[in-house]
N, C-alpha and C. Protein backbone atom coordinates (compact mmCIF):
# COMPACT_ATOMS: atom_id res chain seq x y z
N MET A 1 31.53 103.50 108.27
CA MET A 1 31.16 104.51 107.28
C MET A 1 32.45 105.39 107.07
N ASN A 2 32.59 105.47 105.67
CA ASN A 2 33.34 106.23 105.54
C ASN A 2 32.66 107.29 103.57
N PRO A 3 33.23 107.91 103.69
CA PRO A 3 32.98 109.04 102.32
C PRO A 3 32.28 108.76 101.50
N ASP A 4 31.35 110.16 101.35
CA ASP A 4 31.18 109.93 99.47
C ASP A 4 30.93 110.98 99.47
N SER A 5 29.90 111.50 98.42
CA SER A 5 30.71 112.85 97.90
C SER A 5 29.32 114.30 98.08
N SER A 6 29.11 115.73 97.65
CA SER A 6 28.52 116.32 98.49
C SER A 6 26.70 115.87 98.38
N LEU A 7 26.02 116.73 99.68
CA LEU A 7 25.30 116.49 99.47
C LEU A 7 23.71 116.41 98.81
N SER A 8 22.73 115.85 98.18
CA SER A 8 21.90 116.30 97.20
C SER A 8 21.28 115.25 97.45
N SER A 9 20.29 115.06 95.93
CA SER A 9 19.32 114.09 95.91
C SER A 9 20.34 112.71 96.02
N ARG A 10 21.05 112.89 95.62
CA ARG A 10 22.06 111.63 95.48
C ARG A 10 22.12 110.36 96.82
N PRO A 11 22.95 109.74 96.15
CA PRO A 11 22.75 108.31 98.06
C PRO A 11 24.28 109.14 98.53
N HIS A 12 24.37 108.94 99.84
CA HIS A 12 25.26 108.22 100.47
C HIS A 12 25.99 107.28 100.61
N ALA A 13 26.81 106.37 100.39
CA ALA A 13 26.77 104.86 100.62
C ALA A 13 28.09 105.17 101.90
N SER A 14 28.30 104.29 103.03
CA SER A 14 29.07 104.58 104.24
C SER A 14 30.22 102.93 103.95
N ALA A 15 29.94 102.05 103.58
CA ALA A 15 31.07 100.92 103.57
C ALA A 15 31.79 101.67 102.71
N SER A 16 31.96 102.67 101.13
CA SER A 16 32.71 102.87 100.05
C SER A 16 32.04 103.31 99.39
N GLY A 17 32.89 104.21 98.48
CA GLY A 17 32.43 104.45 97.21
C GLY A 17 32.43 105.86 97.39
N SER A 18 31.37 106.42 95.74
CA SER A 18 31.02 107.54 95.61
C SER A 18 30.00 107.88 95.06
N SER A 19 29.36 109.02 95.12
CA SER A 19 28.07 109.26 94.47
C SER A 19 27.92 109.44 93.34
N SER A 20 26.98 109.61 92.61
CA SER A 20 26.74 108.88 91.29
C SER A 20 25.42 109.81 90.84
N ASP A 21 25.01 110.18 89.81
CA ASP A 21 23.80 111.02 89.72
C ASP A 21 22.77 110.01 89.39
N SER A 22 21.36 109.57 89.29
CA SER A 22 20.34 108.17 89.18
C SER A 22 19.20 109.40 89.81
N ASP A 23 18.11 108.78 88.07
CA ASP A 23 16.75 108.83 88.13
C ASP A 23 15.72 108.18 88.78
N GLU A 24 16.25 106.96 89.31
CA GLU A 24 15.79 106.31 89.97
C GLU A 24 14.95 106.72 91.38
N GLU A 25 13.76 105.98 92.12
CA GLU A 25 13.34 106.52 92.73
C GLU A 25 14.03 105.72 94.06
N PRO A 26 14.23 106.44 95.12
CA PRO A 26 15.08 106.19 96.26
C PRO A 26 14.38 104.00 96.60
N PRO A 27 14.34 103.67 97.41
CA PRO A 27 14.63 102.58 97.67
C PRO A 27 12.64 102.14 98.46
N SER A 28 12.45 102.93 99.35
CA SER A 28 11.95 103.63 99.83
C SER A 28 10.78 103.66 99.42
N ARG A 29 10.09 104.90 98.90
CA ARG A 29 9.81 105.73 97.50
C ARG A 29 8.33 104.55 97.46
N GLY A 30 6.97 104.69 97.42
CA GLY A 30 6.34 103.86 96.56
C GLY A 30 4.90 103.97 98.01
N PRO A 31 3.74 103.28 97.69
CA PRO A 31 2.83 102.72 97.81
C PRO A 31 3.07 102.50 99.58
N SER A 32 4.03 101.77 100.23
CA SER A 32 3.99 101.55 101.27
C SER A 32 4.20 102.73 101.93
N ARG A 33 4.10 104.08 101.83
CA ARG A 33 4.30 105.33 101.99
C ARG A 33 3.08 105.90 102.11
N ALA A 34 1.50 105.53 101.45
CA ALA A 34 0.73 106.11 101.16
C ALA A 34 -0.04 106.25 101.59
N GLY A 35 -0.90 107.57 102.43
CA GLY A 35 -1.73 107.26 103.46
C GLY A 35 -0.56 107.58 104.89
N ARG A 36 0.15 107.70 105.15
CA ARG A 36 0.70 108.10 106.31
C ARG A 36 0.82 109.72 106.75
N ASP A 37 0.37 110.34 108.23
CA ASP A 37 0.95 111.15 108.36
C ASP A 37 2.45 111.63 108.80
N ALA A 38 2.89 112.67 108.20
CA ALA A 38 4.02 113.08 108.24
C ALA A 38 4.00 113.06 109.90
N ALA A 39 2.97 114.35 110.11
CA ALA A 39 3.41 114.07 111.74
C ALA A 39 3.24 112.86 112.50
N GLU A 40 2.14 112.39 112.80
CA GLU A 40 1.91 110.98 113.36
C GLU A 40 3.73 109.91 113.70
N GLU A 41 4.01 109.91 112.45
CA GLU A 41 5.52 108.54 112.13
C GLU A 41 6.32 109.79 111.87
N ALA A 42 7.83 110.34 112.28
CA ALA A 42 9.34 110.77 111.26
C ALA A 42 9.39 109.79 110.61
N LEU A 43 10.01 108.51 111.19
CA LEU A 43 11.15 108.26 111.00
C LEU A 43 9.95 106.27 110.80
N ILE A 44 9.84 105.95 108.72
CA ILE A 44 8.92 104.73 108.65
C ILE A 44 9.55 103.85 108.33
N TRP A 45 9.50 103.22 109.39
CA TRP A 45 10.18 101.62 109.37
C TRP A 45 10.01 100.68 107.51
N ILE A 46 10.48 100.50 107.11
CA ILE A 46 10.06 99.46 105.70
C ILE A 46 10.68 98.16 105.64
N ASP A 47 9.65 97.11 105.96
CA ASP A 47 11.10 95.56 106.08
C ASP A 47 10.69 95.21 104.03
N ARG A 48 12.27 95.95 103.46
CA ARG A 48 12.22 95.05 102.28
C ARG A 48 12.89 94.08 101.61
N ARG A 49 13.38 93.34 103.39
CA ARG A 49 13.88 92.14 102.18
C ARG A 49 13.49 91.34 101.93
N THR A 50 13.88 90.35 100.61
CA THR A 50 13.81 89.77 99.29
C THR A 50 12.86 88.69 100.50
N PRO A 51 11.29 88.33 99.83
CA PRO A 51 11.17 86.22 100.65
C PRO A 51 11.67 86.05 100.13
N GLY A 52 12.20 84.52 100.54
CA GLY A 52 13.17 83.97 100.31
C GLY A 52 14.69 83.84 100.86
N SER A 53 14.72 85.11 100.96
CA SER A 53 16.27 85.59 101.08
C SER A 53 17.01 84.93 102.41
N ALA A 54 18.22 85.01 102.85
CA ALA A 54 18.96 84.63 103.96
C ALA A 54 18.48 85.86 104.96
N ALA A 55 18.29 86.66 104.61
CA ALA A 55 17.70 88.14 105.19
C ALA A 55 16.72 87.66 105.92
N MET A 56 15.71 87.49 105.31
CA MET A 56 14.32 87.22 105.95
C MET A 56 14.04 86.50 107.57
N GLY A 57 15.90 85.43 107.41
CA GLY A 57 15.86 84.75 108.93
C GLY A 57 16.11 85.37 110.01
N ILE A 58 16.12 86.84 109.69
CA ILE A 58 17.13 87.24 110.66
C ILE A 58 16.18 88.06 111.46
N ARG A 59 15.77 88.13 113.01
CA ARG A 59 14.34 88.49 113.41
C ARG A 59 14.66 89.73 113.78
N ILE A 60 13.61 90.77 113.32
CA ILE A 60 14.00 92.16 113.28
C ILE A 60 13.10 92.62 114.68
N ASP A 61 13.17 93.35 115.13
CA ASP A 61 12.00 93.97 116.20
C ASP A 61 11.70 94.79 115.73
N LEU A 62 10.59 95.29 114.83
CA LEU A 62 10.62 96.43 114.10
C LEU A 62 9.10 97.72 115.51
N ALA A 63 9.18 96.64 116.26
CA ALA A 63 8.23 97.83 117.56
C ALA A 63 9.69 98.36 118.32
N TRP A 64 10.41 97.93 118.31
CA TRP A 64 12.15 98.53 119.70
C TRP A 64 12.97 99.30 118.63
N LEU A 65 12.62 99.09 117.03
CA LEU A 65 13.40 99.82 115.85
C LEU A 65 12.26 101.41 116.30
N THR A 66 11.31 101.73 115.78
CA THR A 66 10.37 102.07 116.66
C THR A 66 10.19 103.13 117.44
N SER A 67 10.13 102.63 118.52
CA SER A 67 10.21 103.12 119.46
C SER A 67 11.88 103.67 120.02
N ARG A 68 13.50 103.73 119.93
CA ARG A 68 14.59 104.15 120.19
C ARG A 68 14.82 104.66 118.77
N GLY A 69 13.87 104.03 117.41
CA GLY A 69 14.00 104.82 116.14
C GLY A 69 13.51 107.16 116.80
N ARG A 70 12.43 107.64 117.09
CA ARG A 70 11.68 108.15 117.84
C ARG A 70 12.61 108.55 118.87
N GLU A 71 13.25 108.27 119.17
CA GLU A 71 14.14 108.55 120.59
C GLU A 71 15.27 109.45 119.64
N LEU A 72 15.92 108.15 119.21
CA LEU A 72 16.89 109.01 118.36
C LEU A 72 17.05 109.80 117.68
N ALA A 73 16.13 110.11 116.87
CA ALA A 73 15.64 111.76 115.87
C ALA A 73 15.23 112.70 116.49
N THR A 74 15.24 112.33 118.24
CA THR A 74 14.88 113.54 119.07
C THR A 74 16.73 114.58 119.44
N HIS A 75 17.58 113.90 119.23
CA HIS A 75 18.77 113.87 119.36
C HIS A 75 19.93 114.50 117.80
N LEU A 76 18.84 114.37 117.12
CA LEU A 76 19.59 115.27 115.45
C LEU A 76 19.93 116.61 115.13
N PRO A 77 21.03 116.89 114.57
CA PRO A 77 20.90 118.63 114.55
C PRO A 77 19.86 119.06 114.17
N GLU A 78 19.52 118.28 113.49
CA GLU A 78 17.69 119.18 112.70
C GLU A 78 16.40 118.50 112.42
N ARG A 79 15.28 118.64 112.99
CA ARG A 79 14.35 117.87 113.06
C ARG A 79 14.02 116.89 111.61
N VAL A 80 13.51 116.23 112.24
CA VAL A 80 12.84 114.88 111.48
C VAL A 80 11.36 115.13 110.47
N ALA A 81 11.35 115.63 109.46
CA ALA A 81 10.25 115.53 109.26
C ALA A 81 9.34 114.57 108.83
N GLU A 82 10.19 113.54 107.82
CA GLU A 82 9.87 112.64 107.56
C GLU A 82 10.78 111.51 106.66
N VAL A 83 11.12 110.61 107.33
CA VAL A 83 12.45 109.54 107.02
C VAL A 83 11.36 108.34 106.93
N ALA A 84 11.69 107.58 105.61
CA ALA A 84 12.24 105.96 105.56
C ALA A 84 12.59 105.50 105.22
N ILE A 85 12.68 104.71 106.49
CA ILE A 85 14.33 103.48 106.22
C ILE A 85 13.77 102.17 106.01
N ALA A 86 14.45 101.56 105.27
CA ALA A 86 14.16 100.49 104.50
C ALA A 86 15.40 99.39 104.50
N LEU A 87 14.47 98.28 105.49
CA LEU A 87 15.76 97.43 105.81
C LEU A 87 15.31 96.27 104.65
N MET A 88 17.24 96.23 104.30
CA MET A 88 17.12 95.48 102.79
C MET A 88 18.14 94.76 103.15
N ASP A 89 18.25 93.51 101.96
CA ASP A 89 19.28 92.18 102.09
C ASP A 89 21.00 92.80 100.97
N ASP A 90 21.50 91.79 101.88
CA ASP A 90 22.69 92.13 100.78
C ASP A 90 22.46 92.72 99.20
N ALA A 91 21.12 91.27 98.51
CA ALA A 91 21.75 91.41 97.52
C ALA A 91 21.08 93.07 96.61
N GLU A 92 20.20 92.94 97.56
CA GLU A 92 19.43 94.96 96.62
C GLU A 92 20.32 96.05 97.58
N MET A 93 21.09 95.39 98.57
CA MET A 93 22.20 96.80 99.07
C MET A 93 22.89 97.09 97.63
N ASP A 94 23.25 95.78 97.11
CA ASP A 94 24.56 95.57 96.13
C ASP A 94 23.67 96.19 94.95
N ARG A 95 22.47 96.11 94.56
CA ARG A 95 22.27 96.11 93.63
C ARG A 95 22.41 98.14 93.37
N LEU A 96 21.66 98.83 94.53
CA LEU A 96 21.50 100.22 95.01
C LEU A 96 22.83 101.03 95.07
N HIS A 97 23.45 99.95 95.70
CA HIS A 97 25.38 100.19 95.90
C HIS A 97 26.19 100.64 94.76
N ARG A 98 25.77 99.41 93.33
CA ARG A 98 26.08 100.09 91.68
C ARG A 98 25.71 101.18 91.20
N GLU A 99 23.97 100.76 91.53
CA GLU A 99 23.06 101.08 90.83
C GLU A 99 23.43 102.73 91.32
N HIS A 100 23.21 103.58 92.67
CA HIS A 100 23.65 104.40 92.88
C HIS A 100 25.34 105.44 92.80
N CYS A 101 25.43 104.67 93.31
CA CYS A 101 27.12 104.81 93.45
C CYS A 101 28.20 104.32 92.15
N GLY A 102 28.01 103.54 92.12
CA GLY A 102 28.55 103.00 91.21
C GLY A 102 29.55 101.82 91.83
N VAL A 103 29.50 101.19 93.13
CA VAL A 103 30.17 100.57 93.91
C VAL A 103 29.94 99.36 93.91
N ALA A 104 30.68 97.66 93.39
CA ALA A 104 30.19 97.35 93.69
C ALA A 104 30.35 96.96 94.83
N GLY A 105 29.49 95.86 95.41
CA GLY A 105 29.54 95.25 97.04
C GLY A 105 28.33 96.06 97.82
N THR A 106 27.83 95.17 98.90
CA THR A 106 26.67 95.32 99.78
C THR A 106 27.64 96.73 100.38
N THR A 107 26.52 97.60 101.49
CA THR A 107 26.89 98.63 102.26
C THR A 107 25.79 98.65 103.57
N ASP A 108 26.62 99.50 103.89
CA ASP A 108 25.45 98.76 105.79
C ASP A 108 23.90 100.05 105.55
N VAL A 109 24.64 101.55 105.07
CA VAL A 109 23.66 102.24 104.55
C VAL A 109 23.50 103.30 103.77
N LEU A 110 22.54 104.19 102.85
CA LEU A 110 22.43 105.19 101.84
C LEU A 110 21.25 106.04 102.33
N SER A 111 21.59 106.97 102.06
CA SER A 111 21.10 107.71 102.12
C SER A 111 20.50 108.63 101.08
N TYR A 112 19.54 109.30 101.11
CA TYR A 112 18.74 109.89 99.76
C TYR A 112 18.02 110.55 100.24
N LEU A 113 18.90 112.37 100.19
CA LEU A 113 17.92 113.60 100.50
C LEU A 113 16.43 113.67 99.30
N ASP A 114 15.29 114.29 99.84
CA ASP A 114 14.92 114.98 99.56
C ASP A 114 15.31 115.81 98.60
N PRO A 115 15.32 116.14 97.50
CA PRO A 115 15.96 117.67 97.42
C PRO A 115 14.46 119.19 97.52
N ASP A 116 13.45 118.59 97.67
CA ASP A 116 11.53 119.41 97.28
C ASP A 116 11.84 119.64 99.27
N GLY A 117 12.48 118.51 99.51
CA GLY A 117 12.25 119.05 101.23
C GLY A 117 10.47 118.60 101.88
N HIS A 118 10.31 119.70 103.62
CA HIS A 118 9.30 119.66 103.51
C HIS A 118 9.01 120.78 103.93
N PRO A 119 7.35 121.87 103.62
CA PRO A 119 7.08 122.80 103.72
C PRO A 119 6.90 123.50 105.23
N ALA A 120 7.21 122.50 106.09
CA ALA A 120 7.36 123.21 107.52
C ALA A 120 8.89 122.71 107.72
N GLY A 121 9.78 122.55 107.00
CA GLY A 121 10.77 122.27 107.14
C GLY A 121 11.68 121.07 107.61
N GLY A 122 12.59 120.72 108.19
CA GLY A 122 12.75 119.10 108.67
C GLY A 122 13.26 118.82 107.81
N LEU A 123 14.21 117.12 107.71
CA LEU A 123 14.39 116.30 106.98
C LEU A 123 13.78 115.57 106.66
N VAL A 124 14.19 115.69 105.04
CA VAL A 124 12.95 114.46 104.27
C VAL A 124 13.61 113.58 103.53
N GLY A 125 13.73 112.21 103.48
CA GLY A 125 14.66 110.91 102.57
C GLY A 125 14.24 109.86 102.75
N ASP A 126 15.20 109.11 102.30
CA ASP A 126 15.09 108.05 102.71
C ASP A 126 16.76 107.83 102.93
N LEU A 127 16.26 106.08 103.83
CA LEU A 127 17.18 105.87 104.51
C LEU A 127 17.21 104.54 103.75
N ALA A 128 18.54 103.51 103.22
CA ALA A 128 17.97 101.91 102.91
C ALA A 128 19.20 101.32 103.65
N ILE A 129 19.05 100.34 104.52
CA ILE A 129 20.15 99.90 105.55
C ILE A 129 20.19 97.92 105.03
N GLY A 130 21.64 97.85 105.46
CA GLY A 130 21.33 96.23 104.71
C GLY A 130 21.57 95.26 106.43
N VAL A 131 20.01 95.05 106.64
CA VAL A 131 20.32 94.16 107.35
C VAL A 131 21.10 92.75 107.81
N GLU A 132 21.64 92.28 106.65
CA GLU A 132 22.44 91.40 106.57
C GLU A 132 24.15 91.56 107.43
N VAL A 133 24.72 92.84 106.53
CA VAL A 133 25.76 93.32 107.11
C VAL A 133 25.55 93.73 108.44
N ALA A 134 24.22 94.22 109.02
CA ALA A 134 24.09 94.69 110.81
C ALA A 134 23.99 93.63 111.77
N GLN A 135 23.72 92.44 110.74
CA GLN A 135 23.67 91.24 111.74
C GLN A 135 25.32 90.15 112.16
N ARG A 136 26.23 90.77 110.85
CA ARG A 136 27.32 90.28 110.40
C ARG A 136 28.52 91.27 112.10
N GLU A 137 27.57 92.55 111.69
CA GLU A 137 29.34 93.59 112.24
C GLU A 137 27.90 93.13 113.95
N ALA A 138 27.02 93.25 114.00
CA ALA A 138 26.13 93.21 115.48
C ALA A 138 27.30 92.32 116.22
N ALA A 139 26.94 90.81 115.42
CA ALA A 139 27.74 89.43 116.34
C ALA A 139 29.11 89.84 116.29
N SER A 140 30.08 90.42 115.45
CA SER A 140 31.19 90.70 115.70
C SER A 140 31.59 91.98 116.96
N ARG A 141 30.97 92.41 116.76
CA ARG A 141 30.78 93.29 118.08
C ARG A 141 29.85 92.95 120.17
N GLY A 142 29.42 92.08 119.75
CA GLY A 142 28.60 91.83 120.56
C GLY A 142 27.55 92.00 121.02
N ARG A 143 26.16 92.99 119.89
CA ARG A 143 25.61 94.04 120.08
C ARG A 143 24.14 92.94 119.61
N ARG A 144 23.16 93.65 120.21
CA ARG A 144 21.87 92.98 119.22
C ARG A 144 22.09 93.82 117.91
N VAL A 145 21.13 92.77 116.92
CA VAL A 145 21.49 93.93 115.23
C VAL A 145 20.89 94.98 115.29
N GLU A 146 19.32 95.23 116.10
CA GLU A 146 18.78 96.03 116.55
C GLU A 146 19.33 97.52 116.34
N ALA A 147 20.45 97.13 117.03
CA ALA A 147 21.49 98.28 117.63
C ALA A 147 22.15 98.95 116.85
N GLU A 148 22.55 97.29 115.94
CA GLU A 148 23.23 97.93 115.31
C GLU A 148 22.70 98.80 113.93
N ILE A 149 21.33 98.58 113.28
CA ILE A 149 21.02 99.33 112.71
C ILE A 149 20.27 100.58 113.32
N LEU A 150 20.36 100.91 114.11
CA LEU A 150 20.35 101.79 114.86
C LEU A 150 21.39 103.17 114.61
N LEU A 151 22.86 102.29 114.76
CA LEU A 151 23.54 102.84 114.26
C LEU A 151 23.82 103.30 113.48
N TYR A 152 23.70 102.59 112.44
CA TYR A 152 23.13 102.93 110.85
C TYR A 152 22.41 104.45 110.39
N ALA A 153 21.16 104.27 111.23
CA ALA A 153 19.97 104.72 110.84
C ALA A 153 20.67 106.40 111.35
N ALA A 154 21.00 106.68 112.66
CA ALA A 154 21.44 107.55 112.85
C ALA A 154 22.79 108.18 112.44
N HIS A 155 23.38 107.52 111.11
CA HIS A 155 24.94 107.83 110.31
C HIS A 155 24.11 108.52 109.05
N GLY A 156 23.18 107.91 108.70
CA GLY A 156 22.95 108.28 107.62
C GLY A 156 21.66 109.51 107.78
N LEU A 157 21.45 109.38 109.28
CA LEU A 157 20.36 110.62 109.01
C LEU A 157 21.15 112.05 109.43
N LEU A 158 21.62 111.77 109.74
CA LEU A 158 23.93 112.40 109.90
C LEU A 158 23.85 113.61 109.05
N HIS A 159 23.68 111.97 107.64
CA HIS A 159 24.25 112.72 105.92
C HIS A 159 23.15 113.61 105.19
N LEU A 160 21.80 112.89 106.35
CA LEU A 160 20.52 113.92 105.32
C LEU A 160 20.67 115.02 106.22
N ALA A 161 20.64 115.61 107.40
CA ALA A 161 21.29 116.94 108.20
C ALA A 161 22.39 116.85 107.81
N GLY A 162 23.06 116.93 106.53
CA GLY A 162 24.07 118.08 105.97
C GLY A 162 25.70 117.26 106.62
N GLU A 163 25.91 116.65 107.36
CA GLU A 163 27.33 116.08 108.11
C GLU A 163 28.00 114.91 106.83
N ARG A 164 29.20 115.01 106.73
CA ARG A 164 29.71 114.96 106.09
C ARG A 164 31.38 113.81 106.02
N ASP A 165 31.62 112.94 105.30
CA ASP A 165 33.15 112.26 106.01
C ASP A 165 33.68 112.09 104.99
N ASP A 166 33.98 112.88 104.13
CA ASP A 166 35.13 112.81 103.16
C ASP A 166 36.28 113.27 102.62
N THR A 167 36.37 113.48 104.15
CA THR A 167 37.42 113.38 104.53
C THR A 167 38.28 113.31 106.29
N ALA A 168 39.25 112.79 106.25
CA ALA A 168 39.34 112.20 107.58
C ALA A 168 38.72 113.70 108.42
N ALA A 169 39.54 114.41 108.63
CA ALA A 169 38.42 115.19 109.91
C ALA A 169 37.40 115.36 109.98
N ALA A 170 36.50 115.35 108.80
CA ALA A 170 35.24 115.61 108.74
C ALA A 170 34.21 114.46 109.74
N ALA A 171 34.81 112.74 109.00
CA ALA A 171 34.56 111.87 108.68
C ALA A 171 35.02 111.30 111.14
N THR A 172 35.90 111.54 111.23
CA THR A 172 36.53 112.14 112.88
C THR A 172 34.95 112.83 113.11
N GLN A 173 34.96 114.03 113.12
CA GLN A 173 33.42 115.28 113.99
C GLN A 173 32.32 113.70 113.44
N MET A 174 32.55 113.06 112.61
CA MET A 174 30.19 112.72 111.87
C MET A 174 30.53 111.26 112.72
N ARG A 175 31.73 110.52 112.82
CA ARG A 175 31.59 109.61 114.20
C ARG A 175 31.31 110.07 115.61
N GLU A 176 31.72 111.50 115.94
CA GLU A 176 31.91 112.04 117.44
C GLU A 176 30.29 112.16 117.86
N ALA A 177 29.47 112.71 116.59
CA ALA A 177 28.27 112.80 116.38
C ALA A 177 27.58 111.73 116.29
N GLN A 178 27.92 111.01 115.64
CA GLN A 178 26.57 109.28 115.68
C GLN A 178 27.76 108.80 116.93
N ASP A 179 28.24 109.13 117.29
CA ASP A 179 28.33 108.10 118.77
C ASP A 179 27.78 108.74 119.91
N ARG A 180 27.88 110.69 120.48
CA ARG A 180 26.96 110.95 120.60
C ARG A 180 25.50 111.00 120.64
N ILE A 181 25.09 111.07 119.59
CA ILE A 181 23.24 110.44 119.98
C ILE A 181 23.64 109.48 120.28
N MET A 182 24.17 107.76 119.88
CA MET A 182 24.19 106.77 120.59
C MET A 182 23.93 106.52 122.29
N ARG A 183 24.86 106.67 122.92
CA ARG A 183 25.52 107.30 124.18
C ARG A 183 24.39 108.09 124.53
N ALA A 184 23.30 108.87 124.18
CA ALA A 184 22.02 109.82 124.81
C ALA A 184 21.53 108.82 124.08
N ILE A 185 21.19 107.98 123.45
CA ILE A 185 19.84 106.92 124.21
C ILE A 185 20.40 105.52 124.19
N GLY A 186 20.81 105.88 125.25
CA GLY A 186 21.98 104.13 126.13
C GLY A 186 22.14 103.06 125.15
N LEU A 187 22.93 103.83 123.94
CA LEU A 187 23.29 102.35 123.52
C LEU A 187 24.73 102.54 122.78
N PRO A 188 25.02 101.25 122.63
CA PRO A 188 26.48 101.55 122.89
C PRO A 188 26.94 101.78 121.12
N ALA A 189 28.49 103.20 121.48
CA ALA A 189 28.80 103.82 120.22
C ALA A 189 29.45 103.22 118.88
N THR A 190 29.84 103.70 118.48
CA THR A 190 30.51 103.01 117.06
C THR A 190 31.24 101.05 117.21
N GLU A 191 32.55 101.95 117.94
CA GLU A 191 33.20 100.73 118.16
C GLU A 191 33.04 100.09 119.62
N GLU A 192 32.01 100.41 120.67
CA GLU A 192 31.71 99.97 121.59
C GLU A 192 31.09 98.80 121.88
N GLU A 193 31.57 98.23 122.95
CA GLU A 193 30.84 97.19 123.07
C GLU A 193 30.02 96.91 123.37
N PRO A 194 28.73 96.86 124.37
CA PRO A 194 27.11 96.21 124.96
C PRO A 194 27.35 96.60 126.10
N SER A 195 26.53 97.08 127.05
CA SER A 195 27.43 96.94 128.46
C SER A 195 26.35 96.10 128.98
N PRO A 196 27.17 95.33 129.81
CA PRO A 196 26.26 94.07 130.72
C PRO A 196 25.47 94.55 131.15
């Protein structure tokens, strides 16, 4: 999870690259959010994997993500008003990475801050998370894919809260913040192996 440019409505990519302006809507905006009460659920998990893609073969426990995501949100430096988290396959993450950041290749998480915010304050925005990236990394670290997805969510939410990782010092500070959050909810930090 590496640097990007300043926070705005522009996305933050964590694998590599820099942000670029885009008039396109973030990946999780749309009818799937309609009718939701933001107070009822601050983090809204949306499965946007392409039907028939290899990513559809990855089993994701959305109930576990919802439950642990609520817990994760309580450890952020700013309250979450409403953040939609779209789970996507490599092809779609590559498309978004190219379109919004000008960087070819898939990535783990892209963050989109809503510049209008929420009338009552708190974080408002969208995250796009690469499920296939999460599966590969989870397998190499010996942890469940959902834990890796939550790590990416923590990183993206910290970006929405104003954290930056575009210098070595800022990246270290951000990694420490995301690792504190992961440990606080009983999950392995960035490079840690899971507890037996």
